[in-house]
N, C-alpha and C. Protein backbone atom coordinates (compact mmCIF):
# COMPACT_ATOMS: atom_id res chain seq x y z
N MET A 1 99.14 73.59 100.98
CA MET A 1 100.09 73.56 100.27
C MET A 1 100.34 75.09 99.83
N LYS A 2 101.73 75.58 100.10
CA LYS A 2 102.15 76.92 99.81
C LYS A 2 102.46 77.09 98.29
N MET A 3 102.17 78.10 97.66
CA MET A 3 102.60 78.26 96.23
C MET A 3 103.68 78.97 96.36
N TYR A 4 104.10 79.92 97.24
CA TYR A 4 105.18 80.96 97.29
C TYR A 4 106.43 79.91 97.50
N THR A 5 107.22 80.08 96.70
CA THR A 5 108.61 79.11 96.83
C THR A 5 109.87 80.34 97.22
N GLU A 6 110.84 79.56 97.62
CA GLU A 6 111.91 80.29 97.89
C GLU A 6 112.83 80.97 96.71
N GLU A 7 112.71 80.15 95.45
CA GLU A 7 112.78 80.86 94.05
C GLU A 7 112.13 82.20 94.08
N MET A 8 110.76 82.27 94.24
CA MET A 8 109.94 83.34 94.13
C MET A 8 110.10 84.41 94.96
N ALA A 9 110.61 83.86 96.17
CA ALA A 9 111.06 84.86 97.24
C ALA A 9 112.40 85.64 96.82
N ASN A 10 113.25 84.91 96.49
CA ASN A 10 114.45 85.36 95.83
C ASN A 10 114.13 86.56 94.65
N SER A 11 113.54 86.24 93.85
CA SER A 11 113.43 86.96 92.47
C SER A 11 112.41 88.34 93.20
N PHE A 12 111.59 87.94 94.06
CA PHE A 12 110.87 89.18 94.37
C PHE A 12 111.79 90.31 95.26
N HIS A 13 112.64 89.68 96.05
CA HIS A 13 113.44 90.61 96.68
C HIS A 13 114.39 91.19 95.92
N ALA A 14 114.74 90.55 95.04
CA ALA A 14 116.07 91.21 93.87
C ALA A 14 115.32 92.50 93.15
N ILE A 15 114.00 92.81 93.16
CA ILE A 15 113.43 93.70 92.61
C ILE A 15 113.44 95.08 93.36
N VAL A 16 113.95 95.94 92.82
CA VAL A 16 114.17 97.25 93.72
C VAL A 16 112.59 98.16 93.73
N PRO A 17 112.10 98.27 94.45
CA PRO A 17 110.76 99.19 94.45
C PRO A 17 111.22 100.60 94.38
N PRO A 18 110.22 101.40 93.84
CA PRO A 18 110.29 103.05 93.97
C PRO A 18 110.33 103.30 95.17
N GLN A 19 111.37 104.31 95.48
CA GLN A 19 111.33 104.69 96.88
C GLN A 19 110.14 105.04 97.54
N GLY A 20 109.72 104.47 98.82
CA GLY A 20 108.58 104.84 99.48
C GLY A 20 107.57 104.19 99.04
N PHE A 21 107.62 103.15 98.28
CA PHE A 21 106.64 102.18 97.80
C PHE A 21 106.90 100.59 98.12
N GLN A 22 105.77 100.07 98.29
CA GLN A 22 106.05 98.72 98.68
C GLN A 22 104.67 98.07 98.25
N VAL A 23 104.63 96.71 98.28
CA VAL A 23 103.53 95.80 98.03
C VAL A 23 103.57 94.56 99.18
N ASP A 24 102.20 94.09 99.24
CA ASP A 24 102.35 92.88 100.09
C ASP A 24 102.01 91.90 99.40
N LEU A 25 102.79 90.80 99.84
CA LEU A 25 102.28 89.49 99.18
C LEU A 25 101.34 88.63 99.99
N TYR A 26 100.61 87.97 99.43
CA TYR A 26 99.59 86.71 100.27
C TYR A 26 99.83 85.54 99.34
N ASP A 27 99.96 84.40 100.18
CA ASP A 27 99.81 83.10 99.39
C ASP A 27 98.58 82.59 99.56
N ASN A 28 97.73 82.27 98.76
CA ASN A 28 96.23 81.96 98.76
C ASN A 28 96.38 80.32 98.48
N SER A 29 97.45 79.77 98.36
CA SER A 29 97.57 78.26 98.31
C SER A 29 97.46 78.16 96.62
N GLN A 30 96.51 78.66 96.08
CA GLN A 30 96.47 78.11 94.59
C GLN A 30 96.74 79.52 93.63
N PHE A 31 96.97 80.61 94.47
CA PHE A 31 97.52 81.57 93.68
C PHE A 31 98.13 82.88 94.65
N ILE A 32 99.00 83.70 94.30
CA ILE A 32 99.53 84.76 94.96
C ILE A 32 99.06 86.05 94.78
N THR A 33 98.55 86.70 95.77
CA THR A 33 97.91 88.16 95.75
C THR A 33 99.06 89.19 95.88
N ILE A 34 99.09 90.20 95.05
CA ILE A 34 99.82 91.24 95.18
C ILE A 34 98.85 92.45 95.73
N MET A 35 99.14 92.65 96.72
CA MET A 35 98.23 93.84 97.43
C MET A 35 98.92 95.27 97.50
N VAL A 36 98.09 96.04 96.91
CA VAL A 36 98.69 97.53 96.76
C VAL A 36 97.76 98.19 97.68
N ASN A 37 98.32 99.22 98.47
CA ASN A 37 97.84 100.29 99.17
C ASN A 37 97.36 101.22 98.34
N PRO A 38 96.10 101.59 98.08
CA PRO A 38 95.58 102.58 97.35
C PRO A 38 96.10 104.29 97.71
N ASN A 39 96.33 104.31 98.94
CA ASN A 39 96.96 105.73 99.39
C ASN A 39 98.20 105.92 98.80
N ASP A 40 98.73 104.91 98.33
CA ASP A 40 100.25 105.25 97.65
C ASP A 40 100.03 105.48 96.08
N LEU A 41 98.52 105.54 95.61
CA LEU A 41 98.45 106.04 94.44
C LEU A 41 97.70 107.16 94.20
N VAL A 42 97.49 107.66 95.23
CA VAL A 42 96.76 109.10 95.45
C VAL A 42 97.75 110.24 95.12
N ASP A 43 97.31 111.23 94.05
CA ASP A 43 98.26 112.49 94.03
C ASP A 43 99.68 112.30 93.78
N ILE A 44 99.83 111.47 92.74
CA ILE A 44 101.21 111.08 92.30
C ILE A 44 101.42 111.65 90.98
N SER A 45 102.62 111.86 90.43
CA SER A 45 103.00 112.37 89.07
C SER A 45 102.75 111.13 88.17
N GLU A 46 102.66 111.48 86.99
CA GLU A 46 102.59 110.54 85.73
C GLU A 46 103.72 109.74 85.85
N GLU A 47 105.14 110.26 86.07
CA GLU A 47 106.30 109.61 85.90
C GLU A 47 106.18 108.59 87.23
N ARG A 48 105.72 109.05 88.26
CA ARG A 48 105.77 108.11 89.55
C ARG A 48 104.84 106.86 89.29
N GLY A 49 103.74 107.27 88.63
CA GLY A 49 102.66 106.09 88.46
C GLY A 49 103.32 105.06 87.44
N GLN A 50 103.76 105.48 86.33
CA GLN A 50 104.72 104.61 85.56
C GLN A 50 105.80 103.64 86.18
N GLU A 51 106.40 104.43 87.02
CA GLU A 51 107.52 103.62 87.94
C GLU A 51 106.72 102.46 88.75
N ILE A 52 105.68 103.01 89.47
CA ILE A 52 104.96 102.09 90.37
C ILE A 52 104.46 100.82 89.43
N ILE A 53 103.73 101.06 88.24
CA ILE A 53 103.14 99.96 87.57
C ILE A 53 104.15 99.36 86.80
N ARG A 54 105.34 99.83 86.50
CA ARG A 54 106.54 98.91 86.12
C ARG A 54 106.97 98.07 86.91
N TYR A 55 107.10 98.55 88.39
CA TYR A 55 107.46 97.47 89.44
C TYR A 55 106.56 96.48 89.62
N ILE A 56 105.29 96.94 89.67
CA ILE A 56 104.28 95.89 90.01
C ILE A 56 104.19 94.82 89.01
N MET A 57 104.40 95.17 87.63
CA MET A 57 104.30 94.34 86.57
C MET A 57 105.62 93.27 86.60
N ASP A 58 106.85 93.89 87.00
CA ASP A 58 108.01 93.20 87.04
C ASP A 58 107.86 92.07 88.03
N VAL A 59 107.15 92.52 89.50
CA VAL A 59 106.99 91.55 90.57
C VAL A 59 106.05 90.27 89.90
N LYS A 60 105.02 90.79 89.39
CA LYS A 60 104.04 89.76 88.56
C LYS A 60 104.98 88.93 87.84
N GLU A 61 105.62 89.33 86.71
CA GLU A 61 106.27 88.60 85.85
C GLU A 61 107.27 87.59 86.71
N ALA A 62 107.96 88.05 87.50
CA ALA A 62 109.06 87.31 88.36
C ALA A 62 108.32 86.29 89.09
N LEU A 63 107.28 86.52 89.76
CA LEU A 63 106.46 85.34 90.33
C LEU A 63 105.91 84.36 89.46
N GLU A 64 105.23 84.78 88.08
CA GLU A 64 104.63 83.96 87.23
C GLU A 64 106.04 83.07 86.67
N LYS A 65 107.08 83.64 86.41
CA LYS A 65 108.12 82.95 85.61
C LYS A 65 108.52 81.67 86.53
N HIS A 66 108.21 81.85 87.80
CA HIS A 66 108.49 80.34 88.81
C HIS A 66 107.23 79.62 88.98
N GLY A 67 106.19 79.76 88.15
CA GLY A 67 104.93 79.27 88.03
C GLY A 67 103.88 79.49 89.02
N ALA A 68 103.94 80.93 89.26
CA ALA A 68 102.57 81.27 90.24
C ALA A 68 101.43 81.68 89.26
N ILE A 69 100.54 81.67 89.91
CA ILE A 69 99.33 82.33 89.29
C ILE A 69 99.16 83.77 90.20
N VAL A 70 98.91 84.69 89.65
CA VAL A 70 99.17 86.05 90.14
C VAL A 70 97.86 86.73 90.00
N LEU A 71 97.31 87.44 91.35
CA LEU A 71 96.17 88.43 91.20
C LEU A 71 96.80 89.51 91.73
N ILE A 72 96.65 90.85 91.40
CA ILE A 72 96.93 92.19 91.56
C ILE A 72 95.67 92.79 92.04
N VAL A 73 95.56 93.25 93.30
CA VAL A 73 94.38 93.79 93.98
C VAL A 73 94.97 95.06 94.84
N ARG A 74 93.98 96.16 94.99
CA ARG A 74 94.08 96.95 95.91
C ARG A 74 92.79 97.03 96.88
N GLU A 75 93.00 97.51 98.09
CA GLU A 75 91.78 97.85 98.94
C GLU A 75 90.85 99.19 98.36
N GLU A 76 89.74 99.29 98.55
CA GLU A 76 89.05 100.50 98.24
C GLU A 76 89.62 101.77 99.03
N LEU A 77 89.70 102.85 98.39
CA LEU A 77 90.25 104.00 98.70
C LEU A 77 89.17 104.62 99.75
N VAL A 78 89.47 104.95 101.07
CA VAL A 78 88.64 105.53 101.69
C VAL A 78 88.84 106.77 102.05
N GLN A 79 87.88 107.85 101.43
CA GLN A 79 87.85 109.25 101.48
C GLN A 79 87.72 109.66 103.04
N GLU A 80 88.70 110.54 103.37
CA GLU A 80 88.62 111.08 104.87
C GLU A 80 88.00 112.50 105.01
């Protein structure tokens, strides 16, 4: 059974992300994972960081409002 509903999708898509930033959502049946690319968090200004955090929290709250359990994760940053 999927947790991600049409109402959640509509709420998610109604939130405008900061320019050039996106998250991926994964439905794990019992919870939804918001996946953040760690490269999007490297060498950003404090203002940009606050915009990104605000966006992620808005997405989390929108999903929770419709009954989702939400986990926010990022992959390990690999140094090149």
